[in-house]
């Protein structure tokens, strides 16, 4: 799994916490461009993707991930998990987990087959 978020502290938290749930973190990226390069390099099963990032934002990154890596699962991990985000994510066939939710919910979304 690759963690994509512009906040280094959050990336560090996920990198240390998710393995406790049996999720192997193989890489991380601070923005969409770095995410695409990291996914190409590490070929992960899934990506945890923030939406609000400088440069290539999460939605554009998601679009390119779907085009270039259609079998890689994605879970959107956002501070704004409202109904509009969920509806837009559903159009891509991906799950949404709020950053204010417990990390167990993110782990569950990844373990249940991020799409």
C-alpha atoms as a PDB file:
ATOM      1  CA  UNK A   1       0.000   0.000   0.000  1.00  0.00           C
ATOM      2  CA  UNK A   2       1.156   3.539  -0.777  1.00  0.00           C
ATOM      3  CA  UNK A   3       0.214   6.534   1.413  1.00  0.00           C
ATOM      4  CA  UNK A   4      -0.366   9.789  -0.479  1.00  0.00           C
ATOM      5  CA  UNK A   5      -0.763  12.932   1.628  1.00  0.00           C
ATOM      6  CA  UNK A   6       0.952  16.321   1.724  1.00  0.00           C
ATOM      7  CA  UNK A   7       1.246  16.166   5.535  1.00  0.00           C
ATOM      8  CA  UNK A   8       4.474  14.368   6.541  1.00  0.00           C
ATOM      9  CA  UNK A   9       3.223  13.707  10.092  1.00  0.00           C
ATOM     10  CA  UNK A  10       0.125  11.945   8.787  1.00  0.00           C
ATOM     11  CA  UNK A  11       2.184   9.841   6.381  1.00  0.00           C
ATOM     12  CA  UNK A  12       4.445   8.860   9.295  1.00  0.00           C
ATOM     13  CA  UNK A  13       1.444   7.966  11.460  1.00  0.00           C
ATOM     14  CA  UNK A  14      -0.083   5.737   8.770  1.00  0.00           C
ATOM     15  CA  UNK A  15       3.285   4.191   7.948  1.00  0.00           C
ATOM     16  CA  UNK A  16       3.670   3.129  11.593  1.00  0.00           C
ATOM     17  CA  UNK A  17       0.033   2.324  12.467  1.00  0.00           C
ATOM     18  CA  UNK A  18      -1.242   0.382   9.453  1.00  0.00           C
ATOM     19  CA  UNK A  19       1.278  -2.474   9.761  1.00  0.00           C
ATOM     20  CA  UNK A  20      -0.261  -3.197  13.175  1.00  0.00           C
ATOM     21  CA  UNK A  21      -3.395  -4.193  11.229  1.00  0.00           C
ATOM     22  CA  UNK A  22      -1.438  -6.389   8.852  1.00  0.00           C
ATOM     23  CA  UNK A  23      -1.163  -3.807   6.072  1.00  0.00           C
ATOM     24  CA  UNK A  24       2.244  -3.515   4.440  1.00  0.00           C
ATOM     25  CA  UNK A  25       3.202   0.054   3.498  1.00  0.00           C
ATOM     26  CA  UNK A  26       5.551  -0.070   0.494  1.00  0.00           C
ATOM     27  CA  UNK A  27       5.816   3.640  -0.240  1.00  0.00           C
ATOM     28  CA  UNK A  28       4.570   7.148   0.263  1.00  0.00           C
ATOM     29  CA  UNK A  29       4.197  10.363  -1.696  1.00  0.00           C
ATOM     30  CA  UNK A  30       3.568  14.011  -0.854  1.00  0.00           C
ATOM     31  CA  UNK A  31       1.562  14.934  -3.958  1.00  0.00           C
ATOM     32  CA  UNK A  32      -0.171  13.485  -6.984  1.00  0.00           C
ATOM     33  CA  UNK A  33       2.838  13.556  -9.281  1.00  0.00           C
ATOM     34  CA  UNK A  34       4.996  11.739  -6.742  1.00  0.00           C
ATOM     35  CA  UNK A  35       2.131   9.298  -6.141  1.00  0.00           C
ATOM     36  CA  UNK A  36       1.957   8.288  -9.785  1.00  0.00           C
ATOM     37  CA  UNK A  37       5.713   7.727  -9.864  1.00  0.00           C
ATOM     38  CA  UNK A  38       5.635   5.737  -6.606  1.00  0.00           C
ATOM     39  CA  UNK A  39       2.763   3.523  -7.770  1.00  0.00           C
ATOM     40  CA  UNK A  40       4.623   2.821 -11.022  1.00  0.00           C
ATOM     41  CA  UNK A  41       7.767   1.961  -9.043  1.00  0.00           C
ATOM     42  CA  UNK A  42       6.315  -0.128  -6.209  1.00  0.00           C
ATOM     43  CA  UNK A  43       3.190  -1.626  -7.866  1.00  0.00           C
ATOM     44  CA  UNK A  44       1.108  -1.656  -4.657  1.00  0.00           C
ATOM     45  CA  UNK A  45      -2.206  -3.409  -4.171  1.00  0.00           C
ATOM     46  CA  UNK A  46      -3.765  -0.188  -2.867  1.00  0.00           C
ATOM     47  CA  UNK A  47      -3.315   3.552  -2.383  1.00  0.00           C
ATOM     48  CA  UNK A  48      -4.549   5.719   0.498  1.00  0.00           C
ATOM     49  CA  UNK A  49      -5.207   9.048  -1.193  1.00  0.00           C
ATOM     50  CA  UNK A  50      -5.724  12.525   0.251  1.00  0.00           C
ATOM     51  CA  UNK A  51      -7.796  14.902  -1.864  1.00  0.00           C
ATOM     52  CA  UNK A  52      -6.405  18.324  -0.967  1.00  0.00           C
ATOM     53  CA  UNK A  53      -2.791  18.483  -2.080  1.00  0.00           C
ATOM     54  CA  UNK A  54      -0.760  21.100  -3.916  1.00  0.00           C
ATOM     55  CA  UNK A  55      -0.025  20.523  -7.582  1.00  0.00           C
ATOM     56  CA  UNK A  56      -1.940  17.516  -8.853  1.00  0.00           C
ATOM     57  CA  UNK A  57      -4.843  17.185  -6.401  1.00  0.00           C
ATOM     58  CA  UNK A  58      -6.444  13.942  -5.257  1.00  0.00           C
ATOM     59  CA  UNK A  59      -9.236  13.884  -7.846  1.00  0.00           C
ATOM     60  CA  UNK A  60      -6.837  14.351 -10.762  1.00  0.00           C
ATOM     61  CA  UNK A  61      -4.493  11.798  -9.217  1.00  0.00           C
ATOM     62  CA  UNK A  62      -7.381   9.352  -8.855  1.00  0.00           C
ATOM     63  CA  UNK A  63      -8.351   9.858 -12.484  1.00  0.00           C
ATOM     64  CA  UNK A  64      -4.801   9.121 -13.624  1.00  0.00           C
ATOM     65  CA  UNK A  65      -4.463   6.144 -11.279  1.00  0.00           C
ATOM     66  CA  UNK A  66      -7.622   4.648 -12.774  1.00  0.00           C
ATOM     67  CA  UNK A  67      -6.323   5.189 -16.310  1.00  0.00           C
ATOM     68  CA  UNK A  68      -2.782   3.926 -15.747  1.00  0.00           C
ATOM     69  CA  UNK A  69      -3.238   1.401 -12.919  1.00  0.00           C
ATOM     70  CA  UNK A  70      -6.851   0.172 -13.121  1.00  0.00           C
ATOM     71  CA  UNK A  71      -6.341  -2.817 -10.806  1.00  0.00           C
ATOM     72  CA  UNK A  72      -4.758  -0.810  -7.978  1.00  0.00           C
ATOM     73  CA  UNK A  73      -7.239  -0.287  -5.156  1.00  0.00           C
ATOM     74  CA  UNK A  74      -7.838   3.211  -3.800  1.00  0.00           C
ATOM     75  CA  UNK A  75      -9.273   4.499  -0.534  1.00  0.00           C
ATOM     76  CA  UNK A  76      -9.790   8.246  -0.289  1.00  0.00           C
ATOM     77  CA  UNK A  77      -8.670   9.485   3.127  1.00  0.00           C
ATOM     78  CA  UNK A  78      -9.946  13.016   3.579  1.00  0.00           C
ATOM     79  CA  UNK A  79     -10.728  15.654   6.178  1.00  0.00           C
ATOM     80  CA  UNK A  80     -13.972  16.420   4.296  1.00  0.00           C
ATOM     81  CA  UNK A  81     -15.802  13.110   3.800  1.00  0.00           C
ATOM     82  CA  UNK A  82     -19.236  14.601   3.120  1.00  0.00           C
ATOM     83  CA  UNK A  83     -21.936  13.330   0.806  1.00  0.00           C
ATOM     84  CA  UNK A  84     -20.603  15.222  -2.236  1.00  0.00           C
ATOM     85  CA  UNK A  85     -17.194  13.574  -1.830  1.00  0.00           C
ATOM     86  CA  UNK A  86     -18.789  10.168  -1.312  1.00  0.00           C
ATOM     87  CA  UNK A  87     -20.955  10.562  -4.418  1.00  0.00           C
ATOM     88  CA  UNK A  88     -18.011  11.625  -6.554  1.00  0.00           C
ATOM     89  CA  UNK A  89     -15.873   8.786  -5.156  1.00  0.00           C
ATOM     90  CA  UNK A  90     -18.648   6.308  -5.911  1.00  0.00           C
ATOM     91  CA  UNK A  91     -18.449   7.333  -9.569  1.00  0.00           C
ATOM     92  CA  UNK A  92     -14.846   6.092  -9.469  1.00  0.00           C
ATOM     93  CA  UNK A  93     -15.852   3.036  -7.460  1.00  0.00           C
ATOM     94  CA  UNK A  94     -13.694   3.908  -4.457  1.00  0.00           C
ATOM     95  CA  UNK A  95     -14.288   4.043  -0.719  1.00  0.00           C
ATOM     96  CA  UNK A  96     -14.045   7.178   1.427  1.00  0.00           C
ATOM     97  CA  UNK A  97     -12.790   7.282   5.014  1.00  0.00           C
ATOM     98  CA  UNK A  98     -12.684  10.484   7.036  1.00  0.00           C
ATOM     99  CA  UNK A  99      -9.485  11.542   8.741  1.00  0.00           C
ATOM    100  CA  UNK A 100     -11.511  12.087  11.907  1.00  0.00           C
ATOM    101  CA  UNK A 101     -12.582   8.420  11.855  1.00  0.00           C
ATOM    102  CA  UNK A 102     -10.653   5.805  13.774  1.00  0.00           C
ATOM    103  CA  UNK A 103      -7.653   4.329  11.964  1.00  0.00           C
ATOM    104  CA  UNK A 104      -9.363   0.957  12.278  1.00  0.00           C
ATOM    105  CA  UNK A 105     -11.926   2.142   9.713  1.00  0.00           C
ATOM    106  CA  UNK A 106      -9.169   2.912   7.246  1.00  0.00           C
ATOM    107  CA  UNK A 107      -7.575  -0.473   7.902  1.00  0.00           C
ATOM    108  CA  UNK A 108     -10.957  -2.178   7.445  1.00  0.00           C
ATOM    109  CA  UNK A 109     -11.509  -0.383   4.133  1.00  0.00           C
ATOM    110  CA  UNK A 110      -8.096  -1.529   2.916  1.00  0.00           C
ATOM    111  CA  UNK A 111      -8.454  -5.094   4.173  1.00  0.00           C
ATOM    112  CA  UNK A 112     -11.940  -5.502   2.756  1.00  0.00           C
ATOM    113  CA  UNK A 113     -10.616  -4.860  -0.704  1.00  0.00           C
ATOM    114  CA  UNK A 114      -9.975  -1.271  -1.653  1.00  0.00           C
ATOM    115  CA  UNK A 115     -11.315  -0.779  -5.149  1.00  0.00           C
END
